[in-house]
Amino acid sequence: MTAGQSYLLGFACAGLVGAALTWAIGPALRKEVAAGLILGLAVQAPLGWWTLRSIGTGRFQLVWVLGMLVRLALLGVAALVLVPAMGWRMTPVLGALLATILAMLLVEVLTALREQSGS
């Protein structure tokens, strides 16, 4: 399995687990949790792919730092602009967004470790 395939599999698993948890959380918070999940997956997909493609190149550290700054900026923009503009509750949106970003970072790390080990 290639690194790309591993990343896509991890992405799909994280998305499915997130969707199941969103469904299980109940209707009162579902909209906000789903928004956080979708935002996280939408931003994380290209950032993770970009990071994995840069492994082993001279630009890896730059790509990783820029990706982390984009993730941090997403949290800030969501908290300061998007959540108030949409009338959402802060905690469910940011909690789901942060959990999604962390889950996808774990997928990146595991994929990168697998790629580097040659397995």
PDB file of N, CA and C in Angstrom:
ATOM      1  N   MET A   1       0.854  -1.177   0.000  1.00  0.00           N
ATOM      2  CA  MET A   1       0.000   0.000   0.000  1.00  0.00           C
ATOM      3  C   MET A   1       0.899   1.239   0.000  1.00  0.00           C
ATOM      4  N   THR A   2       0.605   2.175  -0.876  1.00  0.00           N
ATOM      5  CA  THR A   2       1.398   3.396  -0.953  1.00  0.00           C
ATOM      6  C   THR A   2       1.024   4.355   0.167  1.00  0.00           C
ATOM      7  N   ALA A   3       1.867   5.382   0.354  1.00  0.00           N
ATOM      8  CA  ALA A   3       1.578   6.386   1.376  1.00  0.00           C
ATOM      9  C   ALA A   3       0.255   7.090   1.070  1.00  0.00           C
ATOM     10  N   GLY A   4       0.019   7.358  -0.202  1.00  0.00           N
ATOM     11  CA  GLY A   4      -1.230   8.007  -0.583  1.00  0.00           C
ATOM     12  C   GLY A   4      -2.446   7.156  -0.253  1.00  0.00           C
ATOM     13  N   GLN A   5      -2.337   5.881  -0.524  1.00  0.00           N
ATOM     14  CA  GLN A   5      -3.443   4.975  -0.211  1.00  0.00           C
ATOM     15  C   GLN A   5      -3.655   4.875   1.303  1.00  0.00           C
ATOM     16  N   SER A   6      -2.559   4.812   2.050  1.00  0.00           N
ATOM     17  CA  SER A   6      -2.664   4.763   3.512  1.00  0.00           C
ATOM     18  C   SER A   6      -3.327   6.025   4.046  1.00  0.00           C
ATOM     19  N   TYR A   7      -2.930   7.171   3.496  1.00  0.00           N
ATOM     20  CA  TYR A   7      -3.510   8.434   3.946  1.00  0.00           C
ATOM     21  C   TYR A   7      -5.001   8.485   3.616  1.00  0.00           C
ATOM     22  N   LEU A   8      -5.364   8.076   2.418  1.00  0.00           N
ATOM     23  CA  LEU A   8      -6.784   8.084   2.038  1.00  0.00           C
ATOM     24  C   LEU A   8      -7.600   7.138   2.902  1.00  0.00           C
ATOM     25  N   LEU A   9      -7.034   5.981   3.219  1.00  0.00           N
ATOM     26  CA  LEU A   9      -7.722   5.042   4.096  1.00  0.00           C
ATOM     27  C   LEU A   9      -7.905   5.643   5.492  1.00  0.00           C
ATOM     28  N   GLY A  10      -6.849   6.245   6.027  1.00  0.00           N
ATOM     29  CA  GLY A  10      -6.942   6.902   7.331  1.00  0.00           C
ATOM     30  C   GLY A  10      -7.918   8.056   7.319  1.00  0.00           C
ATOM     31  N   PHE A  11      -7.912   8.825   6.238  1.00  0.00           N
ATOM     32  CA  PHE A  11      -8.838   9.950   6.090  1.00  0.00           C
ATOM     33  C   PHE A  11     -10.278   9.446   6.090  1.00  0.00           C
ATOM     34  N   ALA A  12     -10.525   8.386   5.328  1.00  0.00           N
ATOM     35  CA  ALA A  12     -11.872   7.821   5.265  1.00  0.00           C
ATOM     36  C   ALA A  12     -12.305   7.284   6.626  1.00  0.00           C
ATOM     37  N   CYS A  13     -11.407   6.599   7.312  1.00  0.00           N
ATOM     38  CA  CYS A  13     -11.735   6.068   8.644  1.00  0.00           C
ATOM     39  C   CYS A  13     -12.039   7.195   9.624  1.00  0.00           C
ATOM     40  N   ALA A  14     -11.203   8.229   9.623  1.00  0.00           N
ATOM     41  CA  ALA A  14     -11.441   9.366  10.524  1.00  0.00           C
ATOM     42  C   ALA A  14     -12.771  10.037  10.196  1.00  0.00           C
ATOM     43  N   GLY A  15     -13.062  10.186   8.915  1.00  0.00           N
ATOM     44  CA  GLY A  15     -14.334  10.782   8.518  1.00  0.00           C
ATOM     45  C   GLY A  15     -15.531   9.954   8.936  1.00  0.00           C
ATOM     46  N   LEU A  16     -15.419   8.641   8.778  1.00  0.00           N
ATOM     47  CA  LEU A  16     -16.519   7.753   9.171  1.00  0.00           C
ATOM     48  C   LEU A  16     -16.723   7.731  10.688  1.00  0.00           C
ATOM     49  N   VAL A  17     -15.628   7.686  11.433  1.00  0.00           N
ATOM     50  CA  VAL A  17     -15.741   7.730  12.896  1.00  0.00           C
ATOM     51  C   VAL A  17     -16.336   9.068  13.329  1.00  0.00           C
ATOM     52  N   GLY A  18     -15.872  10.141  12.715  1.00  0.00           N
ATOM     53  CA  GLY A  18     -16.425  11.461  13.028  1.00  0.00           C
ATOM     54  C   GLY A  18     -17.910  11.553  12.701  1.00  0.00           C
ATOM     55  N   ALA A  19     -18.302  11.005  11.568  1.00  0.00           N
ATOM     56  CA  ALA A  19     -19.716  11.022  11.184  1.00  0.00           C
ATOM     57  C   ALA A  19     -20.559  10.196  12.156  1.00  0.00           C
ATOM     58  N   ALA A  20     -20.037   9.044  12.557  1.00  0.00           N
ATOM     59  CA  ALA A  20     -20.768   8.194  13.516  1.00  0.00           C
ATOM     60  C   ALA A  20     -20.921   8.903  14.860  1.00  0.00           C
ATOM     61  N   LEU A  21     -19.857   9.544  15.315  1.00  0.00           N
ATOM     62  CA  LEU A  21     -19.939  10.286  16.580  1.00  0.00           C
ATOM     63  C   LEU A  21     -20.886  11.476  16.463  1.00  0.00           C
ATOM     64  N   THR A  22     -20.871  12.126  15.309  1.00  0.00           N
ATOM     65  CA  THR A  22     -21.788  13.251  15.088  1.00  0.00           C
ATOM     66  C   THR A  22     -23.226  12.768  15.158  1.00  0.00           C
ATOM     67  N   TRP A  23     -23.498  11.647  14.543  1.00  0.00           N
ATOM     68  CA  TRP A  23     -24.853  11.094  14.566  1.00  0.00           C
ATOM     69  C   TRP A  23     -25.248  10.678  15.978  1.00  0.00           C
ATOM     70  N   ALA A  24     -24.294  10.121  16.728  1.00  0.00           N
ATOM     71  CA  ALA A  24     -24.578   9.609  18.071  1.00  0.00           C
ATOM     72  C   ALA A  24     -24.739  10.716  19.113  1.00  0.00           C
ATOM     73  N   ILE A  25     -24.226  11.890  18.822  1.00  0.00           N
ATOM     74  CA  ILE A  25     -24.210  12.949  19.830  1.00  0.00           C
ATOM     75  C   ILE A  25     -25.592  13.529  20.103  1.00  0.00           C
ATOM     76  N   GLY A  26     -26.489  13.358  19.198  1.00  0.00           N
ATOM     77  CA  GLY A  26     -27.845  13.850  19.413  1.00  0.00           C
ATOM     78  C   GLY A  26     -28.134  15.098  18.606  1.00  0.00           C
ATOM     79  N   PRO A  27     -29.409  15.348  18.372  1.00  0.00           N
ATOM     80  CA  PRO A  27     -29.804  16.444  17.478  1.00  0.00           C
ATOM     81  C   PRO A  27     -29.493  17.845  18.005  1.00  0.00           C
ATOM     82  N   ALA A  28     -29.399  18.015  19.298  1.00  0.00           N
ATOM     83  CA  ALA A  28     -29.178  19.360  19.847  1.00  0.00           C
ATOM     84  C   ALA A  28     -27.831  19.946  19.436  1.00  0.00           C
ATOM     85  N   LEU A  29     -26.812  19.106  19.327  1.00  0.00           N
ATOM     86  CA  LEU A  29     -25.468  19.579  18.990  1.00  0.00           C
ATOM     87  C   LEU A  29     -25.005  19.139  17.609  1.00  0.00           C
ATOM     88  N   ARG A  30     -25.812  18.369  16.934  1.00  0.00           N
ATOM     89  CA  ARG A  30     -25.389  17.733  15.684  1.00  0.00           C
ATOM     90  C   ARG A  30     -24.921  18.741  14.635  1.00  0.00           C
ATOM     91  N   LYS A  31     -25.632  19.836  14.478  1.00  0.00           N
ATOM     92  CA  LYS A  31     -25.273  20.812  13.442  1.00  0.00           C
ATOM     93  C   LYS A  31     -23.883  21.398  13.687  1.00  0.00           C
ATOM     94  N   GLU A  32     -23.603  21.777  14.927  1.00  0.00           N
ATOM     95  CA  GLU A  32     -22.319  22.376  15.237  1.00  0.00           C
ATOM     96  C   GLU A  32     -21.175  21.372  15.141  1.00  0.00           C
ATOM     97  N   VAL A  33     -21.399  20.159  15.641  1.00  0.00           N
ATOM     98  CA  VAL A  33     -20.362  19.126  15.575  1.00  0.00           C
ATOM     99  C   VAL A  33     -20.085  18.764  14.114  1.00  0.00           C
ATOM    100  N   ALA A  34     -21.123  18.646  13.318  1.00  0.00           N
ATOM    101  CA  ALA A  34     -20.947  18.340  11.896  1.00  0.00           C
ATOM    102  C   ALA A  34     -20.170  19.450  11.197  1.00  0.00           C
ATOM    103  N   ALA A  35     -20.447  20.702  11.549  1.00  0.00           N
ATOM    104  CA  ALA A  35     -19.721  21.821  10.951  1.00  0.00           C
ATOM    105  C   ALA A  35     -18.236  21.746  11.282  1.00  0.00           C
ATOM    106  N   GLY A  36     -17.909  21.457  12.528  1.00  0.00           N
ATOM    107  CA  GLY A  36     -16.507  21.319  12.914  1.00  0.00           C
ATOM    108  C   GLY A  36     -15.823  20.178  12.187  1.00  0.00           C
ATOM    109  N   LEU A  37     -16.514  19.058  12.073  1.00  0.00           N
ATOM    110  CA  LEU A  37     -15.972  17.900  11.367  1.00  0.00           C
ATOM    111  C   LEU A  37     -15.713  18.219   9.901  1.00  0.00           C
ATOM    112  N   ILE A  38     -16.689  18.816   9.243  1.00  0.00           N
ATOM    113  CA  ILE A  38     -16.556  19.131   7.817  1.00  0.00           C
ATOM    114  C   ILE A  38     -15.450  20.149   7.586  1.00  0.00           C
ATOM    115  N   LEU A  39     -15.379  21.184   8.412  1.00  0.00           N
ATOM    116  CA  LEU A  39     -14.303  22.173   8.289  1.00  0.00           C
ATOM    117  C   LEU A  39     -12.939  21.514   8.445  1.00  0.00           C
ATOM    118  N   GLY A  40     -12.817  20.692   9.465  1.00  0.00           N
ATOM    119  CA  GLY A  40     -11.548  20.022   9.714  1.00  0.00           C
ATOM    120  C   GLY A  40     -11.121  19.124   8.567  1.00  0.00           C
ATOM    121  N   LEU A  41     -12.043  18.325   8.067  1.00  0.00           N
ATOM    122  CA  LEU A  41     -11.719  17.426   6.964  1.00  0.00           C
ATOM    123  C   LEU A  41     -11.400  18.195   5.678  1.00  0.00           C
ATOM    124  N   ALA A  42     -12.137  19.269   5.434  1.00  0.00           N
ATOM    125  CA  ALA A  42     -11.928  20.050   4.211  1.00  0.00           C
ATOM    126  C   ALA A  42     -10.555  20.707   4.186  1.00  0.00           C
ATOM    127  N   VAL A  43     -10.102  21.186   5.320  1.00  0.00           N
ATOM    128  CA  VAL A  43      -8.794  21.843   5.378  1.00  0.00           C
ATOM    129  C   VAL A  43      -7.680  20.812   5.517  1.00  0.00           C
ATOM    130  N   GLN A  44      -7.924  19.780   6.275  1.00  0.00           N
ATOM    131  CA  GLN A  44      -6.886  18.791   6.548  1.00  0.00           C
ATOM    132  C   GLN A  44      -6.539  17.952   5.328  1.00  0.00           C
ATOM    133  N   ALA A  45      -7.499  17.665   4.490  1.00  0.00           N
ATOM    134  CA  ALA A  45      -7.233  16.792   3.337  1.00  0.00           C
ATOM    135  C   ALA A  45      -6.074  17.303   2.480  1.00  0.00           C
ATOM    136  N   PRO A  46      -6.111  18.526   1.990  1.00  0.00           N
ATOM    137  CA  PRO A  46      -4.983  18.979   1.166  1.00  0.00           C
ATOM    138  C   PRO A  46      -3.706  19.220   1.976  1.00  0.00           C
ATOM    139  N   LEU A  47      -3.844  19.682   3.222  1.00  0.00           N
ATOM    140  CA  LEU A  47      -2.648  19.929   4.025  1.00  0.00           C
ATOM    141  C   LEU A  47      -1.907  18.635   4.331  1.00  0.00           C
ATOM    142  N   GLY A  48      -2.640  17.598   4.689  1.00  0.00           N
ATOM    143  CA  GLY A  48      -2.011  16.308   4.965  1.00  0.00           C
ATOM    144  C   GLY A  48      -1.347  15.721   3.733  1.00  0.00           C
ATOM    145  N   TRP A  49      -2.030  15.830   2.618  1.00  0.00           N
ATOM    146  CA  TRP A  49      -1.488  15.304   1.366  1.00  0.00           C
ATOM    147  C   TRP A  49      -0.196  16.039   1.008  1.00  0.00           C
ATOM    148  N   TRP A  50      -0.222  17.354   1.142  1.00  0.00           N
ATOM    149  CA  TRP A  50       0.943  18.192   0.841  1.00  0.00           C
ATOM    150  C   TRP A  50       2.109  17.822   1.760  1.00  0.00           C
ATOM    151  N   THR A  51       1.819  17.633   3.031  1.00  0.00           N
ATOM    152  CA  THR A  51       2.860  17.271   3.995  1.00  0.00           C
ATOM    153  C   THR A  51       3.467  15.922   3.648  1.00  0.00           C
ATOM    154  N   LEU A  52       2.638  14.938   3.372  1.00  0.00           N
ATOM    155  CA  LEU A  52       3.158  13.604   3.053  1.00  0.00           C
ATOM    156  C   LEU A  52       3.985  13.602   1.776  1.00  0.00           C
ATOM    157  N   ARG A  53       3.599  14.397   0.808  1.00  0.00           N
ATOM    158  CA  ARG A  53       4.355  14.455  -0.448  1.00  0.00           C
ATOM    159  C   ARG A  53       5.695  15.151  -0.271  1.00  0.00           C
ATOM    160  N   SER A  54       5.846  15.923   0.810  1.00  0.00           N
ATOM    161  CA  SER A  54       7.102  16.633   1.020  1.00  0.00           C
ATOM    162  C   SER A  54       8.103  15.854   1.880  1.00  0.00           C
ATOM    163  N   ILE A  55       7.695  14.702   2.414  1.00  0.00           N
ATOM    164  CA  ILE A  55       8.599  13.898   3.243  1.00  0.00           C
ATOM    165  C   ILE A  55       9.812  13.483   2.414  1.00  0.00           C
ATOM    166  N   GLY A  56      10.966  13.680   2.997  1.00  0.00           N
ATOM    167  CA  GLY A  56      12.201  13.315   2.321  1.00  0.00           C
ATOM    168  C   GLY A  56      12.756  14.392   1.417  1.00  0.00           C
ATOM    169  N   THR A  57      12.089  15.532   1.372  1.00  0.00           N
ATOM    170  CA  THR A  57      12.579  16.640   0.559  1.00  0.00           C
ATOM    171  C   THR A  57      13.118  17.737   1.474  1.00  0.00           C
ATOM    172  N   GLY A  58      13.816  18.668   0.890  1.00  0.00           N
ATOM    173  CA  GLY A  58      14.369  19.774   1.657  1.00  0.00           C
ATOM    174  C   GLY A  58      13.315  20.751   2.140  1.00  0.00           C
ATOM    175  N   ARG A  59      12.129  20.669   1.607  1.00  0.00           N
ATOM    176  CA  ARG A  59      11.077  21.613   1.988  1.00  0.00           C
ATOM    177  C   ARG A  59      10.147  21.070   3.068  1.00  0.00           C
ATOM    178  N   PHE A  60      10.416  19.872   3.591  1.00  0.00           N
ATOM    179  CA  PHE A  60       9.501  19.247   4.540  1.00  0.00           C
ATOM    180  C   PHE A  60       9.208  20.133   5.746  1.00  0.00           C
ATOM    181  N   GLN A  61      10.231  20.663   6.386  1.00  0.00           N
ATOM    182  CA  GLN A  61      10.004  21.476   7.593  1.00  0.00           C
ATOM    183  C   GLN A  61       9.168  22.713   7.284  1.00  0.00           C
ATOM    184  N   LEU A  62       9.433  23.355   6.170  1.00  0.00           N
ATOM    185  CA  LEU A  62       8.648  24.519   5.774  1.00  0.00           C
ATOM    186  C   LEU A  62       7.192  24.133   5.549  1.00  0.00           C
ATOM    187  N   VAL A  63       6.960  23.050   4.846  1.00  0.00           N
ATOM    188  CA  VAL A  63       5.592  22.583   4.582  1.00  0.00           C
ATOM    189  C   VAL A  63       4.887  22.248   5.889  1.00  0.00           C
ATOM    190  N   TRP A  64       5.583  21.553   6.779  1.00  0.00           N
ATOM    191  CA  TRP A  64       4.979  21.175   8.058  1.00  0.00           C
ATOM    192  C   TRP A  64       4.613  22.409   8.878  1.00  0.00           C
ATOM    193  N   VAL A  65       5.524  23.371   8.974  1.00  0.00           N
ATOM    194  CA  VAL A  65       5.254  24.588   9.750  1.00  0.00           C
ATOM    195  C   VAL A  65       4.102  25.374   9.132  1.00  0.00           C
ATOM    196  N   LEU A  66       4.113  25.543   7.824  1.00  0.00           N
ATOM    197  CA  LEU A  66       3.016  26.269   7.167  1.00  0.00           C
ATOM    198  C   LEU A  66       1.682  25.558   7.375  1.00  0.00           C
ATOM    199  N   GLY A  67       1.685  24.239   7.296  1.00  0.00           N
ATOM    200  CA  GLY A  67       0.461  23.479   7.528  1.00  0.00           C
ATOM    201  C   GLY A  67      -0.062  23.673   8.943  1.00  0.00           C
ATOM    202  N   MET A  68       0.835  23.657   9.926  1.00  0.00           N
ATOM    203  CA  MET A  68       0.412  23.867  11.309  1.00  0.00           C
ATOM    204  C   MET A  68      -0.131  25.288  11.510  1.00  0.00           C
ATOM    205  N   LEU A  69       0.489  26.271  10.858  1.00  0.00           N
ATOM    206  CA  LEU A  69      -0.007  27.643  10.960  1.00  0.00           C
ATOM    207  C   LEU A  69      -1.396  27.780  10.324  1.00  0.00           C
ATOM    208  N   VAL A  70      -1.617  27.106   9.215  1.00  0.00           N
ATOM    209  CA  VAL A  70      -2.938  27.141   8.575  1.00  0.00           C
ATOM    210  C   VAL A  70      -3.974  26.502   9.494  1.00  0.00           C
ATOM    211  N   ARG A  71      -3.627  25.380  10.122  1.00  0.00           N
ATOM    212  CA  ARG A  71      -4.553  24.724  11.052  1.00  0.00           C
ATOM    213  C   ARG A  71      -4.883  25.637  12.233  1.00  0.00           C
ATOM    214  N   LEU A  72      -3.868  26.276  12.788  1.00  0.00           N
ATOM    215  CA  LEU A  72      -4.077  27.206  13.895  1.00  0.00           C
ATOM    216  C   LEU A  72      -4.924  28.403  13.454  1.00  0.00           C
ATOM    217  N   ALA A  73      -4.652  28.916  12.269  1.00  0.00           N
ATOM    218  CA  ALA A  73      -5.441  30.028  11.736  1.00  0.00           C
ATOM    219  C   ALA A  73      -6.900  29.616  11.535  1.00  0.00           C
ATOM    220  N   LEU A  74      -7.121  28.394  11.082  1.00  0.00           N
ATOM    221  CA  LEU A  74      -8.489  27.902  10.913  1.00  0.00           C
ATOM    222  C   LEU A  74      -9.237  27.934  12.239  1.00  0.00           C
ATOM    223  N   LEU A  75      -8.590  27.464  13.295  1.00  0.00           N
ATOM    224  CA  LEU A  75      -9.227  27.502  14.618  1.00  0.00           C
ATOM    225  C   LEU A  75      -9.561  28.940  15.018  1.00  0.00           C
ATOM    226  N   GLY A  76      -8.638  29.856  14.789  1.00  0.00           N
ATOM    227  CA  GLY A  76      -8.873  31.262  15.129  1.00  0.00           C
ATOM    228  C   GLY A  76      -9.994  31.884  14.311  1.00  0.00           C
ATOM    229  N   VAL A  77      -9.980  31.648  13.013  1.00  0.00           N
ATOM    230  CA  VAL A  77     -11.030  32.201  12.143  1.00  0.00           C
ATOM    231  C   VAL A  77     -12.384  31.600  12.496  1.00  0.00           C
ATOM    232  N   ALA A  78     -12.398  30.311  12.765  1.00  0.00           N
ATOM    233  CA  ALA A  78     -13.658  29.679  13.153  1.00  0.00           C
ATOM    234  C   ALA A  78     -14.189  30.286  14.439  1.00  0.00           C
ATOM    235  N   ALA A  79     -13.315  30.468  15.434  1.00  0.00           N
ATOM    236  CA  ALA A  79     -13.740  30.996  16.732  1.00  0.00           C
ATOM    237  C   ALA A  79     -14.152  32.457  16.663  1.00  0.00           C
ATOM    238  N   LEU A  80     -13.412  33.259  15.929  1.00  0.00           N
ATOM    239  CA  LEU A  80     -13.647  34.700  15.937  1.00  0.00           C
ATOM    240  C   LEU A  80     -14.601  35.193  14.861  1.00  0.00           C
ATOM    241  N   VAL A  81     -14.738  34.436  13.784  1.00  0.00           N
ATOM    242  CA  VAL A  81     -15.552  34.911  12.654  1.00  0.00           C
ATOM    243  C   VAL A  81     -16.708  33.965  12.340  1.00  0.00           C
ATOM    244  N   LEU A  82     -16.372  32.730  12.034  1.00  0.00           N
ATOM    245  CA  LEU A  82     -17.373  31.807  11.505  1.00  0.00           C
ATOM    246  C   LEU A  82     -18.453  31.441  12.521  1.00  0.00           C
ATOM    247  N   VAL A  83     -18.037  31.057  13.726  1.00  0.00           N
ATOM    248  CA  VAL A  83     -19.017  30.641  14.741  1.00  0.00           C
ATOM    249  C   VAL A  83     -19.986  31.783  15.076  1.00  0.00           C
ATOM    250  N   PRO A  84     -19.493  32.993  15.374  1.00  0.00           N
ATOM    251  CA  PRO A  84     -20.448  34.079  15.652  1.00  0.00           C
ATOM    252  C   PRO A  84     -21.324  34.429  14.445  1.00  0.00           C
ATOM    253  N   ALA A  85     -20.738  34.422  13.253  1.00  0.00           N
ATOM    254  CA  ALA A  85     -21.506  34.776  12.059  1.00  0.00           C
ATOM    255  C   ALA A  85     -22.630  33.780  11.786  1.00  0.00           C
ATOM    256  N   MET A  86     -22.393  32.511  12.080  1.00  0.00           N
ATOM    257  CA  MET A  86     -23.390  31.483  11.820  1.00  0.00           C
ATOM    258  C   MET A  86     -24.329  31.269  13.004  1.00  0.00           C
ATOM    259  N   GLY A  87     -24.035  31.901  14.127  1.00  0.00           N
ATOM    260  CA  GLY A  87     -24.881  31.748  15.309  1.00  0.00           C
ATOM    261  C   GLY A  87     -24.739  30.391  15.984  1.00  0.00           C
ATOM    262  N   TRP A  88     -23.578  29.749  15.787  1.00  0.00           N
ATOM    263  CA  TRP A  88     -23.330  28.444  16.381  1.00  0.00           C
ATOM    264  C   TRP A  88     -22.814  28.588  17.808  1.00  0.00           C
ATOM    265  N   ARG A  89     -22.912  27.513  18.566  1.00  0.00           N
ATOM    266  CA  ARG A  89     -22.293  27.458  19.891  1.00  0.00           C
ATOM    267  C   ARG A  89     -20.807  27.132  19.695  1.00  0.00           C
ATOM    268  N   MET A  90     -19.990  27.822  20.455  1.00  0.00           N
ATOM    269  CA  MET A  90     -18.543  27.748  20.280  1.00  0.00           C
ATOM    270  C   MET A  90     -17.960  26.363  20.591  1.00  0.00           C
ATOM    271  N   THR A  91     -18.289  25.811  21.740  1.00  0.00           N
ATOM    272  CA  THR A  91     -17.634  24.589  22.210  1.00  0.00           C
ATOM    273  C   THR A  91     -17.825  23.393  21.282  1.00  0.00           C
ATOM    274  N   PRO A  92     -19.034  23.091  20.821  1.00  0.00           N
ATOM    275  CA  PRO A  92     -19.172  21.924  19.939  1.00  0.00           C
ATOM    276  C   PRO A  92     -18.425  22.081  18.617  1.00  0.00           C
ATOM    277  N   VAL A  93     -18.463  23.273  18.046  1.00  0.00           N
ATOM    278  CA  VAL A  93     -17.793  23.484  16.758  1.00  0.00           C
ATOM    279  C   VAL A  93     -16.282  23.359  16.926  1.00  0.00           C
ATOM    280  N   LEU A  94     -15.729  24.103  17.884  1.00  0.00           N
ATOM    281  CA  LEU A  94     -14.280  24.077  18.050  1.00  0.00           C
ATOM    282  C   LEU A  94     -13.794  22.738  18.580  1.00  0.00           C
ATOM    283  N   GLY A  95     -14.583  22.085  19.431  1.00  0.00           N
ATOM    284  CA  GLY A  95     -14.201  20.761  19.912  1.00  0.00           C
ATOM    285  C   GLY A  95     -14.122  19.752  18.782  1.00  0.00           C
ATOM    286  N   ALA A  96     -15.132  19.750  17.929  1.00  0.00           N
ATOM    287  CA  ALA A  96     -15.138  18.820  16.789  1.00  0.00           C
ATOM    288  C   ALA A  96     -14.035  19.167  15.794  1.00  0.00           C
ATOM    289  N   LEU A  97     -13.822  20.453  15.568  1.00  0.00           N
ATOM    290  CA  LEU A  97     -12.773  20.887  14.652  1.00  0.00           C
ATOM    291  C   LEU A  97     -11.401  20.464  15.166  1.00  0.00           C
ATOM    292  N   LEU A  98     -11.130  20.724  16.422  1.00  0.00           N
ATOM    293  CA  LEU A  98      -9.849  20.355  17.006  1.00  0.00           C
ATOM    294  C   LEU A  98      -9.666  18.831  17.025  1.00  0.00           C
ATOM    295  N   ALA A  99     -10.700  18.102  17.389  1.00  0.00           N
ATOM    296  CA  ALA A  99     -10.613  16.636  17.393  1.00  0.00           C
ATOM    297  C   ALA A  99     -10.338  16.097  15.996  1.00  0.00           C
ATOM    298  N   THR A 100     -10.955  16.690  14.994  1.00  0.00           N
ATOM    299  CA  THR A 100     -10.731  16.258  13.609  1.00  0.00           C
ATOM    300  C   THR A 100      -9.301  16.543  13.181  1.00  0.00           C
ATOM    301  N   ILE A 101      -8.815  17.732  13.498  1.00  0.00           N
ATOM    302  CA  ILE A 101      -7.440  18.082  13.144  1.00  0.00           C
ATOM    303  C   ILE A 101      -6.457  17.138  13.836  1.00  0.00           C
ATOM    304  N   LEU A 102      -6.675  16.868  15.115  1.00  0.00           N
ATOM    305  CA  LEU A 102      -5.774  15.967  15.843  1.00  0.00           C
ATOM    306  C   LEU A 102      -5.830  14.544  15.296  1.00  0.00           C
ATOM    307  N   ALA A 103      -7.028  14.073  14.976  1.00  0.00           N
ATOM    308  CA  ALA A 103      -7.159  12.726  14.407  1.00  0.00           C
ATOM    309  C   ALA A 103      -6.429  12.642  13.070  1.00  0.00           C
ATOM    310  N   MET A 104      -6.556  13.660  12.253  1.00  0.00           N
ATOM    311  CA  MET A 104      -5.904  13.640  10.957  1.00  0.00           C
ATOM    312  C   MET A 104      -4.392  13.814  11.080  1.00  0.00           C
ATOM    313  N   LEU A 105      -3.937  14.561  12.079  1.00  0.00           N
ATOM    314  CA  LEU A 105      -2.494  14.639  12.322  1.00  0.00           C
ATOM    315  C   LEU A 105      -1.952  13.271  12.719  1.00  0.00           C
ATOM    316  N   LEU A 106      -2.720  12.519  13.491  1.00  0.00           N
ATOM    317  CA  LEU A 106      -2.317  11.159  13.841  1.00  0.00           C
ATOM    318  C   LEU A 106      -2.232  10.284  12.590  1.00  0.00           C
ATOM    319  N   VAL A 107      -3.186  10.435  11.697  1.00  0.00           N
ATOM    320  CA  VAL A 107      -3.148   9.688  10.433  1.00  0.00           C
ATOM    321  C   VAL A 107      -1.896  10.059   9.650  1.00  0.00           C
ATOM    322  N   GLU A 108      -1.564  11.342   9.599  1.00  0.00           N
ATOM    323  CA  GLU A 108      -0.348  11.786   8.911  1.00  0.00           C
ATOM    324  C   GLU A 108       0.895  11.150   9.516  1.00  0.00           C
ATOM    325  N   VAL A 109       0.985  11.195  10.839  1.00  0.00           N
ATOM    326  CA  VAL A 109       2.160  10.646  11.523  1.00  0.00           C
ATOM    327  C   VAL A 109       2.294   9.152  11.250  1.00  0.00           C
ATOM    328  N   LEU A 110       1.206   8.424  11.393  1.00  0.00           N
ATOM    329  CA  LEU A 110       1.259   6.981  11.162  1.00  0.00           C
ATOM    330  C   LEU A 110       1.608   6.662   9.714  1.00  0.00           C
ATOM    331  N   THR A 111       1.071   7.434   8.781  1.00  0.00           N
ATOM    332  CA  THR A 111       1.389   7.221   7.368  1.00  0.00           C
ATOM    333  C   THR A 111       2.852   7.542   7.097  1.00  0.00           C
ATOM    334  N   ALA A 112       3.331   8.630   7.685  1.00  0.00           N
ATOM    335  CA  ALA A 112       4.737   9.018   7.478  1.00  0.00           C
ATOM    336  C   ALA A 112       5.677   7.981   8.081  1.00  0.00           C
ATOM    337  N   LEU A 113       5.364   7.490   9.274  1.00  0.00           N
ATOM    338  CA  LEU A 113       6.202   6.460   9.904  1.00  0.00           C
ATOM    339  C   LEU A 113       6.226   5.191   9.059  1.00  0.00           C
ATOM    340  N   ARG A 114       5.086   4.821   8.544  1.00  0.00           N
ATOM    341  CA  ARG A 114       5.005   3.627   7.702  1.00  0.00           C
ATOM    342  C   ARG A 114       5.813   3.823   6.421  1.00  0.00           C
ATOM    343  N   GLU A 115       5.733   5.011   5.853  1.00  0.00           N
ATOM    344  CA  GLU A 115       6.476   5.317   4.626  1.00  0.00           C
ATOM    345  C   GLU A 115       7.983   5.289   4.887  1.00  0.00           C
ATOM    346  N   GLN A 116       8.415   5.852   6.000  1.00  0.00           N
ATOM    347  CA  GLN A 116       9.836   5.911   6.319  1.00  0.00           C
ATOM    348  C   GLN A 116      10.402   4.541   6.681  1.00  0.00           C
ATOM    349  N   SER A 117       9.576   3.682   7.259  1.00  0.00           N
ATOM    350  CA  SER A 117      10.062   2.352   7.634  1.00  0.00           C
ATOM    351  C   SER A 117      10.138   1.415   6.431  1.00  0.00           C
ATOM    352  N   GLY A 118       9.496   1.802   5.340  1.00  0.00           N
ATOM    353  CA  GLY A 118       9.509   0.975   4.143  1.00  0.00           C
ATOM    354  C   GLY A 118       8.536  -0.173   4.170  1.00  0.00           C
ATOM    355  N   SER A 119       7.608  -0.176   5.120  1.00  0.00           N
ATOM    356  CA  SER A 119       6.624  -1.263   5.228  1.00  0.00           C
ATOM    357  C   SER A 119       5.540  -1.140   4.209  1.00  0.00           C
TER     358      SER A 119
END
